[in-house]
PDB file of N, CA and C in Angstrom:
ATOM      1  N   UNK A   1       0.805  -1.539   0.319  1.00  0.00           N
ATOM      2  CA  UNK A   1       0.334   0.160  -0.315  1.00  0.00           C
ATOM      3  C   UNK A   1       0.733   1.179   0.124  1.00  0.00           C
ATOM      4  N   UNK A   2       0.566   2.310  -0.995  1.00  0.00           N
ATOM      5  CA  UNK A   2       1.465   3.247  -1.260  1.00  0.00           C
ATOM      6  C   UNK A   2       1.210   3.888   0.368  1.00  0.00           C
ATOM      7  N   UNK A   3       2.350   5.189   0.967  1.00  0.00           N
ATOM      8  CA  UNK A   3       2.664   5.667   1.536  1.00  0.00           C
ATOM      9  C   UNK A   3       1.123   6.964   1.884  1.00  0.00           C
ATOM     10  N   UNK A   4       0.603   7.559   2.944  1.00  0.00           N
ATOM     11  CA  UNK A   4      -0.593   8.777   2.569  1.00  0.00           C
ATOM     12  C   UNK A   4       0.951   9.732   2.860  1.00  0.00           C
ATOM     13  N   UNK A   5       0.190  11.269   1.919  1.00  0.00           N
ATOM     14  CA  UNK A   5       1.244  12.425   1.849  1.00  0.00           C
ATOM     15  C   UNK A   5       0.100  12.829   2.043  1.00  0.00           C
ATOM     16  N   UNK A   6       0.918  14.488   2.339  1.00  0.00           N
ATOM     17  CA  UNK A   6       0.049  15.081   2.485  1.00  0.00           C
ATOM     18  C   UNK A   6       0.258  16.132   1.441  1.00  0.00           C
ATOM     19  N   UNK A   7      -1.131  16.574   1.893  1.00  0.00           N
ATOM     20  CA  UNK A   7      -1.806  17.937   0.113  1.00  0.00           C
ATOM     21  C   UNK A   7      -0.570  19.141   0.116  1.00  0.00           C
ATOM     22  N   UNK A   8      -0.100  19.201  -0.274  1.00  0.00           N
ATOM     23  CA  UNK A   8       1.327  20.328  -0.729  1.00  0.00           C
ATOM     24  C   UNK A   8       0.134  20.828  -1.824  1.00  0.00           C
ATOM     25  N   UNK A   9      -0.569  22.435  -1.717  1.00  0.00           N
ATOM     26  CA  UNK A   9      -0.710  22.844  -2.847  1.00  0.00           C
ATOM     27  C   UNK A   9       0.449  23.455  -3.463  1.00  0.00           C
ATOM     28  N   UNK A  10       0.183  23.548  -4.927  1.00  0.00           N
ATOM     29  CA  UNK A  10       1.423  24.233  -5.615  1.00  0.00           C
ATOM     30  C   UNK A  10       1.568  26.075  -5.720  1.00  0.00           C
ATOM     31  N   UNK A  11       2.207  26.748  -6.061  1.00  0.00           N
ATOM     32  CA  UNK A  11       1.975  28.076  -6.067  1.00  0.00           C
ATOM     33  C   UNK A  11       1.477  28.246  -7.929  1.00  0.00           C
ATOM     34  N   UNK A  12       0.524  29.503  -7.477  1.00  0.00           N
ATOM     35  CA  UNK A  12       0.195  29.900  -8.894  1.00  0.00           C
ATOM     36  C   UNK A  12       1.095  30.310  -9.362  1.00  0.00           C
ATOM     37  N   UNK A  13       0.678  30.309 -10.497  1.00  0.00           N
ATOM     38  CA  UNK A  13       1.669  30.751 -12.168  1.00  0.00           C
ATOM     39  C   UNK A  13       1.422  31.567 -12.249  1.00  0.00           C
ATOM     40  N   UNK A  14       2.381  32.326 -12.049  1.00  0.00           N
ATOM     41  CA  UNK A  14       2.394  34.326 -12.462  1.00  0.00           C
ATOM     42  C   UNK A  14       2.187  34.757 -14.175  1.00  0.00           C
ATOM     43  N   UNK A  15       1.092  34.812 -14.341  1.00  0.00           N
ATOM     44  CA  UNK A  15       1.618  35.170 -15.853  1.00  0.00           C
ATOM     45  C   UNK A  15       2.925  35.849 -16.426  1.00  0.00           C
ATOM     46  N   UNK A  16       3.000  35.871 -17.341  1.00  0.00           N
ATOM     47  CA  UNK A  16       4.228  35.946 -17.860  1.00  0.00           C
ATOM     48  C   UNK A  16       4.597  38.089 -18.298  1.00  0.00           C
ATOM     49  N   UNK A  17       5.106  38.469 -17.888  1.00  0.00           N
ATOM     50  CA  UNK A  17       5.507  40.122 -18.081  1.00  0.00           C
ATOM     51  C   UNK A  17       4.916  40.734 -19.396  1.00  0.00           C
ATOM     52  N   UNK A  18       4.190  41.873 -19.293  1.00  0.00           N
ATOM     53  CA  UNK A  18       3.756  42.422 -20.576  1.00  0.00           C
ATOM     54  C   UNK A  18       5.247  42.295 -21.382  1.00  0.00           C
ATOM     55  N   UNK A  19       6.205  43.015 -21.599  1.00  0.00           N
ATOM     56  CA  UNK A  19       7.167  43.679 -22.118  1.00  0.00           C
ATOM     57  C   UNK A  19       7.293  41.745 -23.138  1.00  0.00           C
ATOM     58  N   UNK A  20       7.475  40.609 -22.786  1.00  0.00           N
ATOM     59  CA  UNK A  20       7.627  39.693 -22.594  1.00  0.00           C
ATOM     60  C   UNK A  20       6.258  38.996 -24.081  1.00  0.00           C
ATOM     61  N   UNK A  21       4.985  39.230 -23.530  1.00  0.00           N
ATOM     62  CA  UNK A  21       4.281  39.378 -24.416  1.00  0.00           C
ATOM     63  C   UNK A  21       4.739  40.465 -25.530  1.00  0.00           C
ATOM     64  N   UNK A  22       4.312  41.388 -25.636  1.00  0.00           N
ATOM     65  CA  UNK A  22       5.205  42.521 -26.210  1.00  0.00           C
ATOM     66  C   UNK A  22       5.633  41.649 -27.695  1.00  0.00           C
ATOM     67  N   UNK A  23       6.551  41.599 -27.350  1.00  0.00           N
ATOM     68  CA  UNK A  23       8.498  41.098 -27.478  1.00  0.00           C
ATOM     69  C   UNK A  23       7.551  39.866 -28.420  1.00  0.00           C
ATOM     70  N   UNK A  24       7.284  39.488 -28.483  1.00  0.00           N
ATOM     71  CA  UNK A  24       6.297  37.847 -29.028  1.00  0.00           C
ATOM     72  C   UNK A  24       6.076  38.278 -30.065  1.00  0.00           C
ATOM     73  N   UNK A  25       5.182  39.148 -29.142  1.00  0.00           N
ATOM     74  CA  UNK A  25       3.768  39.730 -30.478  1.00  0.00           C
ATOM     75  C   UNK A  25       4.916  40.498 -32.170  1.00  0.00           C
ATOM     76  N   UNK A  26       5.822  41.105 -31.197  1.00  0.00           N
ATOM     77  CA  UNK A  26       6.151  41.671 -32.865  1.00  0.00           C
ATOM     78  C   UNK A  26       7.330  40.910 -32.944  1.00  0.00           C
ATOM     79  N   UNK A  27       7.982  40.417 -32.587  1.00  0.00           N
ATOM     80  CA  UNK A  27       8.843  38.951 -32.902  1.00  0.00           C
ATOM     81  C   UNK A  27       8.132  38.849 -34.342  1.00  0.00           C
ATOM     82  N   UNK A  28       6.987  37.962 -34.036  1.00  0.00           N
ATOM     83  CA  UNK A  28       5.807  37.322 -35.119  1.00  0.00           C
ATOM     84  C   UNK A  28       5.335  38.124 -36.145  1.00  0.00           C
ATOM     85  N   UNK A  29       5.167  39.535 -36.124  1.00  0.00           N
ATOM     86  CA  UNK A  29       4.527  40.436 -36.780  1.00  0.00           C
ATOM     87  C   UNK A  29       5.991  40.567 -37.899  1.00  0.00           C
ATOM     88  N   UNK A  30       7.263  40.820 -37.393  1.00  0.00           N
ATOM     89  CA  UNK A  30       8.025  41.256 -38.007  1.00  0.00           C
ATOM     90  C   UNK A  30       8.626  40.241 -39.419  1.00  0.00           C
ATOM     91  N   UNK A  31       8.350  38.343 -38.152  1.00  0.00           N
ATOM     92  CA  UNK A  31       8.512  37.484 -38.579  1.00  0.00           C
ATOM     93  C   UNK A  31       8.270  37.020 -40.001  1.00  0.00           C
ATOM     94  N   UNK A  32       6.077  37.599 -40.058  1.00  0.00           N
ATOM     95  CA  UNK A  32       5.632  38.183 -41.331  1.00  0.00           C
ATOM     96  C   UNK A  32       5.838  38.587 -42.350  1.00  0.00           C
ATOM     97  N   UNK A  33       6.413  40.264 -41.711  1.00  0.00           N
ATOM     98  CA  UNK A  33       6.211  40.975 -42.924  1.00  0.00           C
ATOM     99  C   UNK A  33       7.272  40.485 -43.857  1.00  0.00           C
ATOM    100  N   UNK A  34       8.822  40.494 -43.109  1.00  0.00           N
ATOM    101  CA  UNK A  34      10.502  39.231 -43.996  1.00  0.00           C
ATOM    102  C   UNK A  34       9.375  38.567 -44.755  1.00  0.00           C
ATOM    103  N   UNK A  35       9.038  38.073 -44.244  1.00  0.00           N
ATOM    104  CA  UNK A  35       8.546  36.979 -45.449  1.00  0.00           C
ATOM    105  C   UNK A  35       7.981  37.161 -46.779  1.00  0.00           C
ATOM    106  N   UNK A  36       6.732  38.374 -46.769  1.00  0.00           N
ATOM    107  CA  UNK A  36       6.186  38.013 -46.913  1.00  0.00           C
ATOM    108  C   UNK A  36       7.347  39.346 -48.252  1.00  0.00           C
ATOM    109  N   UNK A  37       7.617  40.031 -47.998  1.00  0.00           N
ATOM    110  CA  UNK A  37       9.092  41.082 -48.567  1.00  0.00           C
ATOM    111  C   UNK A  37       9.795  40.068 -49.235  1.00  0.00           C
ATOM    112  N   UNK A  38      10.160  38.948 -48.898  1.00  0.00           N
ATOM    113  CA  UNK A  38      11.348  37.870 -49.341  1.00  0.00           C
ATOM    114  C   UNK A  38      10.740  36.908 -50.939  1.00  0.00           C
ATOM    115  N   UNK A  39       9.417  37.471 -50.608  1.00  0.00           N
ATOM    116  CA  UNK A  39       8.701  36.083 -51.410  1.00  0.00           C
ATOM    117  C   UNK A  39       7.845  37.955 -52.438  1.00  0.00           C
ATOM    118  N   UNK A  40       7.579  38.421 -52.633  1.00  0.00           N
ATOM    119  CA  UNK A  40       7.885  40.154 -53.019  1.00  0.00           C
ATOM    120  C   UNK A  40       9.088  40.131 -53.948  1.00  0.00           C
ATOM    121  N   UNK A  41      10.037  40.206 -52.993  1.00  0.00           N
ATOM    122  CA  UNK A  41      11.043  40.206 -53.967  1.00  0.00           C
ATOM    123  C   UNK A  41      11.738  39.665 -54.889  1.00  0.00           C
ATOM    124  N   UNK A  42      11.015  37.781 -54.819  1.00  0.00           N
ATOM    125  CA  UNK A  42      11.041  37.087 -55.889  1.00  0.00           C
ATOM    126  C   UNK A  42      10.116  36.898 -56.439  1.00  0.00           C
ATOM    127  N   UNK A  43       9.425  37.762 -56.443  1.00  0.00           N
ATOM    128  CA  UNK A  43       8.114  37.156 -57.783  1.00  0.00           C
ATOM    129  C   UNK A  43       8.582  38.616 -58.833  1.00  0.00           C
ATOM    130  N   UNK A  44       8.988  40.052 -58.241  1.00  0.00           N
ATOM    131  CA  UNK A  44       9.511  40.622 -58.972  1.00  0.00           C
ATOM    132  C   UNK A  44      10.939  40.844 -59.685  1.00  0.00           C
ATOM    133  N   UNK A  45      11.789  39.513 -59.118  1.00  0.00           N
ATOM    134  CA  UNK A  45      13.282  39.408 -59.308  1.00  0.00           C
ATOM    135  C   UNK A  45      12.733  39.021 -61.052  1.00  0.00           C
ATOM    136  N   UNK A  46      13.508  39.415 -61.972  1.00  0.00           N
ATOM    137  CA  UNK A  46      13.693  38.837 -63.650  1.00  0.00           C
ATOM    138  C   UNK A  46      13.986  36.761 -63.713  1.00  0.00           C
ATOM    139  N   UNK A  47      13.619  36.387 -62.878  1.00  0.00           N
ATOM    140  CA  UNK A  47      14.548  35.128 -62.672  1.00  0.00           C
ATOM    141  C   UNK A  47      13.674  33.660 -63.607  1.00  0.00           C
ATOM    142  N   UNK A  48      15.366  33.462 -64.160  1.00  0.00           N
ATOM    143  CA  UNK A  48      14.331  32.704 -65.442  1.00  0.00           C
ATOM    144  C   UNK A  48      15.167  31.413 -66.037  1.00  0.00           C
TER     145      UNK A  48
END
């Protein structure tokens, strides 16, 4: 039979700071913008 252990409540996880979320959103926007720019550049260049 397993031993009975006392209940230990887990500490509440704090949400990430606002700056971390803001930097993540900024990184996603910049990544998408750069991808669109690269695709537009390749479509504009006359590659045959």
